[in-house]
Amino acid sequence: MNINRFALLAVLFLAISRPLAAENLVRIGTFDRNVNEWPAEGSAAVVAWSALDAGGSTSSGSALVTNVSPGGSNGEGVHQCVFAGIRAGARYAFGGRVRIPSGQARTGFVMVGLRWYASSDCSGDPLDQPRTDEATALDSWILLRESSVAPETARSVEMLAFPSKVEAGGQLQAYFDDIFLSPSLVTIPSSASIHGVGGTFFHSDLWVMNLSFSETATVTARYRCFAGQTCDTAPRTLTLGPRASLLHSDAVSSLFASPETAGAIELTFDPTVGDIAATSRVYTPSLPAPTFGASVPGQLSNRAMTHAVFLGLGSSGGAAGSGFRTNAGAYNPNSSAVSVTLELHRADGTPLGAPLTRTWEAHETFQINGAFAAVGAGGAVTTDAWLAVSASAPLFPFVTVIDNQSGDSTWVVPWEDAASAP
């Protein structure tokens, strides 16, 4: 058994130094001082800033939307195109707080919704149009929330907030505040609980924390093992009180009951209730003996990449007792297969070996041991090569460089790369 396969790599993406928290991808969804980022979708909607705030803040406000459509059964409101942070196949939570004032001559309901687009600017025909539930209560702030998976070809999404008027003529008003669109899935691309050569035991400890100061968070954890392995994929429910954290030592075995396997961990949560932080560490041997390993942080679903580069890769030319070796792999979070191409380069950009293309099946984790040999450059001796990874859909690529003398490893940060040369 090759222990390199189970020393298990992880990815450190951009912004790795920041704490993990759900990002609100919409611009000024709290309407602190204006509604400049939220134009009316058509001539039958009028939008204005209001000092009425969903949280009662005196330094913020909301958007007051008036539906003046001459016809009945018609929704009119505000919209915003979002393209930054949109990844096909990623799950997003969306919604906001809404309020319908009483004393109006017309009745109706309020909704928040999305329109997914294959274009990068919300143009063309929508791919999908998910909506939240309808809100009809009067004179109280109601939280609407729902989740949606971005279609496989999605590149942008239009956020909508609107009152829908039942009767013809007249007008219907509603307030909107705290509009959000946030990734709701955290991925730890690589974890393990497996024995290798010489009795080594690589295993992963998992930490999860609820960042909310007031709400209890429910996190659904699921394990995705390597292709060819048998593991328990049933979801586990983790409940964390406000500002509480938990540790699962040797999580693959203790939490997921899948010893002698390796793979990715997915954590789904509701960012409207509380953001979470998650990290893990893969190491050998077991405590309390001295250990070596590396931290493997969780990554929000919108951090998946289609093009990435990894710098500072090493190869000893096949010598086992000196220099470095490099392994590379990926976790495919998508529900369909993804084609991935790996290309190694010298520091000056010239190719090392030939491009290697492989198909990652849905939810598959796979590692290529000895990346230099795999592309036909096993004789190279270097410490400054770089790897370009390109994929047909966003996934989590990972690379590690291992010191052949000490056995210690370095998790290499991927930089998001351009899709093609200009």
Protein backbone atom coordinates (compact mmCIF):
# COMPACT_ATOMS: atom_id res chain seq x y z
CA MET A 1 0.00 0.00 0.00
CA ASN A 2 1.36 3.41 -0.96
CA ILE A 3 1.18 5.70 2.08
CA ASN A 4 1.46 8.76 -0.16
CA ARG A 5 -2.06 8.18 -1.33
CA PHE A 6 -3.30 8.48 2.21
CA ALA A 7 -1.14 11.31 3.46
CA LEU A 8 -4.04 13.15 1.93
CA LEU A 9 -3.79 16.49 0.52
CA ALA A 10 -5.86 19.53 1.07
CA VAL A 11 -6.37 22.85 -0.59
CA LEU A 12 -5.66 26.28 0.84
CA PHE A 13 -7.51 28.77 -1.28
CA LEU A 14 -7.34 32.51 -1.59
CA ALA A 15 -8.17 34.40 1.58
CA ILE A 16 -7.01 31.43 3.62
CA SER A 17 -6.03 33.68 6.51
CA ARG A 18 -9.59 34.91 7.03
CA PRO A 19 -12.03 33.13 9.36
CA LEU A 20 -14.60 31.09 7.51
CA ALA A 21 -17.98 32.78 7.43
CA ALA A 22 -20.84 32.86 5.00
CA GLU A 23 -20.44 35.73 2.59
CA ASN A 24 -23.35 37.91 1.55
CA LEU A 25 -22.80 38.25 -2.18
CA VAL A 26 -25.40 40.98 -2.73
CA ARG A 27 -24.34 44.60 -2.53
CA ILE A 28 -25.81 46.75 0.27
CA GLY A 29 -28.59 44.33 1.11
CA THR A 30 -29.00 46.07 4.49
CA PHE A 31 -30.01 49.41 2.90
CA ASP A 32 -28.04 51.39 5.46
CA ARG A 33 -28.36 54.77 3.76
CA ASN A 34 -29.74 54.35 0.24
CA VAL A 35 -31.18 52.00 -2.38
CA ASN A 36 -28.64 52.84 -5.08
CA GLU A 37 -27.75 49.20 -5.81
CA TRP A 38 -31.41 48.18 -6.14
CA PRO A 39 -33.16 49.76 -9.15
CA ALA A 40 -36.79 49.12 -9.96
CA GLU A 41 -37.18 46.23 -12.37
CA GLY A 42 -39.75 48.04 -14.49
CA SER A 43 -41.86 51.18 -14.75
CA ALA A 44 -44.60 49.68 -12.55
CA ALA A 45 -42.40 49.71 -9.45
CA VAL A 46 -41.26 52.71 -7.40
CA VAL A 47 -38.42 52.30 -4.91
CA ALA A 48 -37.40 54.66 -2.08
CA TRP A 49 -35.22 54.50 1.01
CA SER A 50 -37.01 54.27 4.38
CA ALA A 51 -35.65 54.80 7.89
CA LEU A 52 -37.69 51.80 9.09
CA ASP A 53 -35.13 49.09 9.89
CA ALA A 54 -35.88 45.40 10.44
CA GLY A 55 -33.60 45.32 13.47
CA GLY A 56 -34.74 48.65 14.89
CA SER A 57 -31.41 50.32 14.14
CA THR A 58 -31.37 54.12 14.00
CA SER A 59 -28.34 54.08 11.70
CA SER A 60 -29.82 51.87 8.99
CA GLY A 61 -33.05 51.48 7.04
CA SER A 62 -34.88 49.48 4.40
CA ALA A 63 -36.18 49.65 0.85
CA LEU A 64 -39.80 50.72 0.43
CA VAL A 65 -41.15 49.25 -2.81
CA THR A 66 -44.47 50.35 -4.29
CA ASN A 67 -46.19 48.18 -6.91
CA VAL A 68 -48.28 50.48 -9.14
CA SER A 69 -49.06 47.92 -11.84
CA PRO A 70 -52.40 48.70 -13.52
CA GLY A 71 -53.21 44.99 -13.80
CA GLY A 72 -53.89 42.44 -11.09
CA SER A 73 -51.90 39.38 -10.02
CA ASN A 74 -48.64 41.08 -10.93
CA GLY A 75 -45.37 41.28 -9.01
CA GLU A 76 -43.20 44.39 -9.38
CA GLY A 77 -40.10 45.25 -7.38
CA VAL A 78 -36.34 45.74 -7.25
CA HIS A 79 -33.48 43.66 -8.62
CA GLN A 80 -29.70 43.27 -8.60
CA CYS A 81 -27.35 41.22 -10.80
CA VAL A 82 -24.71 39.23 -8.90
CA PHE A 83 -21.75 37.65 -10.68
CA ALA A 84 -18.88 37.74 -8.16
CA GLY A 85 -18.68 34.48 -6.23
CA ILE A 86 -21.14 32.57 -8.43
CA ARG A 87 -20.08 28.97 -9.08
CA ALA A 88 -22.08 26.45 -11.07
CA GLY A 89 -23.17 23.53 -8.93
CA ALA A 90 -22.74 25.38 -5.61
CA ARG A 91 -25.63 25.64 -3.15
CA TYR A 92 -26.71 29.11 -2.00
CA ALA A 93 -29.07 30.33 0.69
CA PHE A 94 -31.13 33.39 -0.24
CA GLY A 95 -33.86 35.53 1.23
CA GLY A 96 -34.43 38.58 3.37
CA ARG A 97 -36.78 40.29 5.81
CA VAL A 98 -40.06 41.71 4.52
CA ARG A 99 -42.92 43.75 5.96
CA ILE A 100 -46.35 44.67 4.55
CA PRO A 101 -47.94 47.72 6.19
CA SER A 102 -51.66 47.54 7.03
CA GLY A 103 -54.32 50.02 5.95
CA GLN A 104 -53.75 49.56 2.21
CA ALA A 105 -56.55 49.48 -0.33
CA ARG A 106 -55.00 46.55 -2.20
CA THR A 107 -53.98 43.09 -0.97
CA GLY A 108 -51.25 40.72 -1.99
CA PHE A 109 -48.06 39.03 -0.84
CA VAL A 110 -44.30 39.56 -0.83
CA MET A 111 -41.54 37.31 -2.18
CA VAL A 112 -37.77 37.16 -2.66
CA GLY A 113 -36.37 35.17 -5.55
CA LEU A 114 -33.58 34.39 -7.98
CA ARG A 115 -33.06 34.08 -11.70
CA TRP A 116 -30.00 32.04 -12.73
CA TYR A 117 -28.29 32.91 -16.02
CA ALA A 118 -25.65 31.30 -18.24
CA SER A 119 -24.37 34.77 -19.13
CA SER A 120 -22.06 36.77 -16.86
CA ASP A 121 -24.39 39.81 -16.76
CA CYS A 122 -27.89 38.39 -16.15
CA SER A 123 -28.82 38.66 -19.82
CA GLY A 124 -30.68 36.10 -21.92
CA ASP A 125 -33.26 33.59 -20.81
CA PRO A 126 -33.17 32.40 -17.16
CA LEU A 127 -31.97 28.87 -16.48
CA ASP A 128 -34.06 28.57 -13.32
CA GLN A 129 -36.21 30.89 -11.18
CA PRO A 130 -36.47 29.70 -7.54
CA ARG A 131 -38.61 31.68 -5.09
CA THR A 132 -39.12 31.85 -1.33
CA ASP A 133 -42.46 31.24 0.33
CA GLU A 134 -45.06 33.99 0.19
CA ALA A 135 -45.34 36.45 3.08
CA THR A 136 -48.80 37.93 3.80
CA ALA A 137 -48.66 38.98 7.49
CA LEU A 138 -49.19 42.68 8.17
CA ASP A 139 -47.14 45.13 10.27
CA SER A 140 -44.42 42.65 11.26
CA TRP A 141 -41.02 41.75 9.86
CA ILE A 142 -41.00 38.25 8.37
CA LEU A 143 -37.81 36.35 7.51
CA LEU A 144 -38.02 34.60 4.15
CA ARG A 145 -35.29 32.10 3.29
CA GLU A 146 -34.72 29.31 0.82
CA SER A 147 -31.80 27.59 -0.88
CA SER A 148 -30.95 26.85 -4.49
CA VAL A 149 -28.22 25.01 -6.38
CA ALA A 150 -26.72 27.07 -9.20
CA PRO A 151 -27.33 25.27 -12.52
CA GLU A 152 -24.30 23.63 -14.11
CA THR A 153 -23.94 26.45 -16.66
CA ALA A 154 -24.75 29.37 -14.34
CA ARG A 155 -22.40 32.37 -14.35
CA SER A 156 -24.62 35.06 -12.79
CA VAL A 157 -27.82 35.40 -10.83
CA GLU A 158 -30.43 38.14 -10.52
CA MET A 159 -31.78 38.80 -7.03
CA LEU A 160 -35.44 39.91 -6.92
CA ALA A 161 -37.59 41.40 -4.13
CA PHE A 162 -41.18 42.37 -4.89
CA PRO A 163 -44.73 42.83 -3.64
CA SER A 164 -47.34 41.07 -5.79
CA LYS A 165 -50.69 42.88 -5.99
CA VAL A 166 -53.87 40.80 -6.29
CA GLU A 167 -56.33 43.46 -7.48
CA ALA A 168 -56.04 45.67 -10.55
CA GLY A 169 -55.33 49.37 -10.16
CA GLY A 170 -54.12 51.19 -7.10
CA GLN A 171 -50.89 50.28 -5.37
CA LEU A 172 -49.38 47.84 -2.88
CA GLN A 173 -46.35 48.70 -0.72
CA ALA A 174 -43.84 46.53 1.15
CA TYR A 175 -40.54 47.02 2.99
CA PHE A 176 -37.42 44.92 2.35
CA ASP A 177 -34.30 44.60 4.50
CA ASP A 178 -31.31 42.29 5.08
CA ILE A 179 -31.46 40.77 1.59
CA PHE A 180 -28.88 38.01 1.32
CA LEU A 181 -27.36 35.46 -1.06
CA SER A 182 -24.78 33.26 0.67
CA PRO A 183 -22.95 29.98 0.09
CA SER A 184 -24.38 27.40 2.49
CA LEU A 185 -21.96 24.49 2.10
CA VAL A 186 -18.48 24.06 3.56
CA THR A 187 -16.13 21.47 2.06
CA ILE A 188 -13.05 19.89 3.59
CA PRO A 189 -11.63 18.38 0.38
CA SER A 190 -9.46 15.73 2.01
CA SER A 191 -9.62 13.68 5.20
CA ALA A 192 -8.67 10.16 6.25
CA SER A 193 -8.67 7.34 8.76
CA ILE A 194 -6.35 4.76 7.24
CA HIS A 195 -3.24 2.71 7.91
CA GLY A 196 -0.33 2.56 5.51
CA VAL A 197 3.18 1.19 5.20
CA GLY A 198 5.06 0.48 8.41
CA GLY A 199 2.04 0.89 10.66
CA THR A 200 1.58 4.57 9.92
CA PHE A 201 -1.91 5.80 10.73
CA PHE A 202 -3.11 8.94 8.98
CA HIS A 203 -6.32 10.29 10.48
CA SER A 204 -8.23 13.58 10.58
CA ASP A 205 -9.56 15.54 13.53
CA LEU A 206 -12.51 17.83 12.71
CA TRP A 207 -13.50 21.08 14.49
CA VAL A 208 -16.78 22.92 13.79
CA MET A 209 -17.93 26.15 15.46
CA ASN A 210 -21.18 28.13 15.46
CA LEU A 211 -20.26 31.80 15.05
CA SER A 212 -23.68 33.13 16.07
CA PHE A 213 -23.97 34.93 19.42
CA SER A 214 -27.65 34.08 19.89
CA GLU A 215 -28.86 31.24 17.64
CA THR A 216 -28.38 27.47 17.76
CA ALA A 217 -26.93 26.12 14.51
CA THR A 218 -27.77 22.79 12.93
CA VAL A 219 -25.05 21.45 10.62
CA THR A 220 -25.52 18.46 8.32
CA ALA A 221 -22.28 16.54 7.78
CA ARG A 222 -21.73 14.08 4.92
CA TYR A 223 -18.66 12.02 3.96
CA ARG A 224 -17.54 11.27 0.36
CA CYS A 225 -14.87 8.56 0.23
CA PHE A 226 -12.42 7.68 -2.56
CA ALA A 227 -13.73 5.83 -5.59
CA GLY A 228 -13.43 2.09 -5.02
CA GLN A 229 -13.80 2.38 -1.25
CA THR A 230 -16.89 1.52 0.77
CA CYS A 231 -18.05 4.11 3.28
CA ASP A 232 -21.12 5.38 5.11
CA THR A 233 -22.55 8.35 3.20
CA ALA A 234 -25.59 8.85 5.44
CA PRO A 235 -25.85 12.44 6.75
CA ARG A 236 -24.96 13.22 10.36
CA THR A 237 -26.59 16.09 12.27
CA LEU A 238 -24.41 18.34 14.44
CA THR A 239 -26.14 20.76 16.83
CA LEU A 240 -24.14 23.66 18.22
CA GLY A 241 -25.35 26.29 20.66
CA PRO A 242 -24.39 29.97 20.33
CA ARG A 243 -20.60 30.39 20.12
CA ALA A 244 -20.13 26.65 20.75
CA SER A 245 -17.62 24.41 19.02
CA LEU A 246 -17.14 20.66 18.89
CA LEU A 247 -14.27 18.31 18.09
CA HIS A 248 -14.54 14.91 16.45
CA SER A 249 -11.22 13.14 16.85
CA ASP A 250 -10.52 10.75 13.96
CA ALA A 251 -13.76 12.00 12.40
CA VAL A 252 -13.84 9.61 9.44
CA SER A 253 -14.01 6.67 11.85
CA SER A 254 -15.76 8.17 14.89
CA LEU A 255 -18.36 10.37 13.17
CA PHE A 256 -18.83 8.65 9.81
CA ALA A 257 -18.09 5.03 10.82
CA SER A 258 -15.83 4.54 7.79
CA PRO A 259 -12.41 3.33 9.01
CA GLU A 260 -9.68 2.54 6.49
CA THR A 261 -11.02 5.08 3.98
CA ALA A 262 -10.20 8.59 2.81
CA GLY A 263 -12.25 11.33 1.19
CA ALA A 264 -13.97 14.71 1.49
CA ILE A 265 -16.31 16.06 4.18
CA GLU A 266 -19.23 18.36 3.35
CA LEU A 267 -20.95 20.53 5.97
CA THR A 268 -24.28 22.13 5.08
CA PHE A 269 -25.68 24.92 7.27
CA ASP A 270 -28.20 27.75 7.27
CA PRO A 271 -26.35 31.10 7.15
CA THR A 272 -29.51 32.95 8.15
CA VAL A 273 -29.35 31.24 11.54
CA GLY A 274 -25.59 31.35 12.10
CA ASP A 275 -22.36 31.16 10.16
CA ILE A 276 -19.98 28.35 10.96
CA ALA A 277 -16.23 27.91 11.06
CA ALA A 278 -14.66 24.55 10.24
CA THR A 279 -11.17 23.15 10.02
CA SER A 280 -9.40 19.82 10.31
CA ARG A 281 -5.94 18.35 10.76
CA VAL A 282 -4.61 15.18 9.11
CA TYR A 283 -1.66 13.65 10.95
CA THR A 284 0.26 10.54 12.03
CA PRO A 285 0.78 8.69 14.35
CA SER A 286 -1.81 8.69 17.13
CA LEU A 287 -1.55 10.99 20.14
CA PRO A 288 0.14 11.27 22.62
CA ALA A 289 3.08 10.27 20.44
CA PRO A 290 4.81 13.13 18.58
CA THR A 291 2.94 13.76 15.33
CA PHE A 292 3.38 15.46 12.00
CA GLY A 293 0.68 16.56 9.62
CA ALA A 294 -1.09 19.61 8.27
CA SER A 295 -4.16 21.74 8.80
CA VAL A 296 -6.93 21.28 6.24
CA PRO A 297 -9.37 24.21 6.42
CA GLY A 298 -12.97 24.15 5.32
CA GLN A 299 -13.89 26.06 2.17
CA LEU A 300 -17.20 27.65 1.20
CA SER A 301 -18.77 26.13 -1.88
CA ASN A 302 -18.18 29.22 -4.01
CA ARG A 303 -14.40 28.74 -3.55
CA ALA A 304 -14.41 25.82 -5.99
CA MET A 305 -12.32 26.57 -9.10
CA THR A 306 -12.21 25.71 -12.78
CA HIS A 307 -8.67 27.04 -13.29
CA ALA A 308 -5.90 27.10 -10.68
CA VAL A 309 -2.10 27.22 -10.43
CA PHE A 310 0.11 25.77 -7.68
CA LEU A 311 3.64 27.16 -7.15
CA GLY A 312 6.83 25.79 -5.59
CA LEU A 313 6.45 22.12 -6.50
CA GLY A 314 9.36 19.73 -6.02
CA SER A 315 10.72 16.53 -7.53
CA SER A 316 13.80 14.46 -6.64
CA GLY A 317 14.08 12.72 -10.01
CA GLY A 318 12.89 9.50 -8.42
CA ALA A 319 15.38 9.43 -5.50
CA ALA A 320 13.50 8.25 -2.40
CA GLY A 321 15.96 9.47 0.23
CA SER A 322 16.45 13.09 -0.82
CA GLY A 323 14.64 16.06 -2.27
CA PHE A 324 10.88 16.25 -2.58
CA ARG A 325 7.93 14.55 -4.21
CA THR A 326 4.58 16.03 -5.25
CA ASN A 327 1.08 14.55 -5.19
CA ALA A 328 -1.99 16.16 -6.74
CA GLY A 329 -5.70 15.50 -6.69
CA ALA A 330 -9.18 17.00 -6.49
CA TYR A 331 -12.62 16.62 -4.99
CA ASN A 332 -15.53 16.98 -7.40
CA PRO A 333 -18.52 18.44 -5.49
CA ASN A 334 -20.80 18.31 -8.55
CA SER A 335 -23.58 15.83 -9.23
CA SER A 336 -22.08 15.02 -12.64
CA ALA A 337 -18.65 14.04 -13.96
CA VAL A 338 -15.94 16.67 -14.48
CA SER A 339 -12.97 16.46 -16.83
CA VAL A 340 -9.71 17.68 -15.25
CA THR A 341 -6.38 18.40 -16.95
CA LEU A 342 -3.07 18.77 -15.08
CA GLU A 343 -0.07 20.44 -16.74
CA LEU A 344 3.34 20.72 -15.05
CA HIS A 345 5.78 23.49 -15.99
CA ARG A 346 9.32 24.55 -15.23
CA ALA A 347 9.83 27.95 -13.64
CA ASP A 348 10.29 29.55 -17.06
CA GLY A 349 6.91 28.21 -18.22
CA THR A 350 8.16 25.43 -20.50
CA PRO A 351 6.24 22.15 -20.16
CA LEU A 352 7.36 19.24 -18.02
CA GLY A 353 6.10 16.01 -19.53
CA ALA A 354 2.70 15.98 -21.23
CA PRO A 355 -0.75 17.14 -20.02
CA LEU A 356 -2.66 14.53 -18.03
CA THR A 357 -6.46 14.45 -18.35
CA ARG A 358 -8.74 12.39 -16.13
CA THR A 359 -12.49 12.35 -15.44
CA TRP A 360 -13.60 12.81 -11.85
CA GLU A 361 -16.99 11.19 -11.30
CA ALA A 362 -19.75 12.92 -9.31
CA HIS A 363 -18.66 13.53 -5.69
CA GLU A 364 -15.39 11.69 -6.28
CA THR A 365 -12.15 12.36 -4.44
CA PHE A 366 -9.02 11.10 -6.20
CA GLN A 367 -5.30 11.62 -5.70
CA ILE A 368 -2.50 11.13 -8.23
CA ASN A 369 0.61 9.94 -6.43
CA GLY A 370 3.88 11.13 -7.94
CA ALA A 371 2.53 13.89 -10.15
CA PHE A 372 5.85 14.33 -12.02
CA ALA A 373 6.05 10.65 -12.99
CA ALA A 374 2.34 10.64 -13.89
CA VAL A 375 2.88 13.29 -16.59
CA GLY A 376 6.07 11.65 -17.88
CA ALA A 377 8.58 13.89 -16.07
CA GLY A 378 9.69 11.51 -13.32
CA GLY A 379 13.36 12.28 -13.91
CA ALA A 380 13.04 15.99 -13.22
CA VAL A 381 14.94 17.45 -10.27
CA THR A 382 13.43 20.77 -9.19
CA THR A 383 12.01 22.82 -6.34
CA ASP A 384 10.42 25.59 -8.42
CA ALA A 385 8.00 23.89 -10.82
CA TRP A 386 4.36 24.89 -11.05
CA LEU A 387 1.14 23.08 -11.90
CA ALA A 388 -1.84 24.37 -13.89
CA VAL A 389 -5.19 22.67 -13.27
CA SER A 390 -8.19 23.20 -15.53
CA ALA A 391 -11.62 21.61 -15.12
CA SER A 392 -14.89 21.54 -17.02
CA ALA A 393 -16.78 22.59 -13.85
CA PRO A 394 -15.72 24.11 -10.51
CA LEU A 395 -14.08 21.69 -8.09
CA PHE A 396 -11.52 21.62 -5.27
CA PRO A 397 -8.02 20.80 -6.57
CA PHE A 398 -5.30 20.06 -4.04
CA VAL A 399 -1.53 19.60 -4.03
CA THR A 400 1.06 18.66 -1.43
CA VAL A 401 4.85 18.66 -1.55
CA ILE A 402 6.49 16.04 0.68
CA ASP A 403 10.02 16.14 2.06
CA ASN A 404 11.53 12.73 1.24
CA GLN A 405 13.92 12.88 4.21
CA SER A 406 11.60 13.94 7.04
CA GLY A 407 8.27 12.79 5.59
CA ASP A 408 6.73 16.14 6.44
CA SER A 409 4.41 17.77 3.92
CA THR A 410 3.45 21.27 2.76
CA TRP A 411 -0.07 22.08 1.64
CA VAL A 412 0.22 24.32 -1.40
CA VAL A 413 -2.06 27.32 -1.87
CA PRO A 414 -3.87 27.35 -5.25
CA TRP A 415 -4.20 30.68 -7.03
CA GLU A 416 -7.21 31.17 -9.26
CA ASP A 417 -5.97 31.25 -12.84
CA ALA A 418 -7.28 32.83 -16.04
CA ALA A 419 -9.45 30.55 -18.15
CA SER A 420 -7.36 31.15 -21.27
CA ALA A 421 -4.59 33.32 -22.66
CA PRO A 422 -5.67 36.74 -24.01
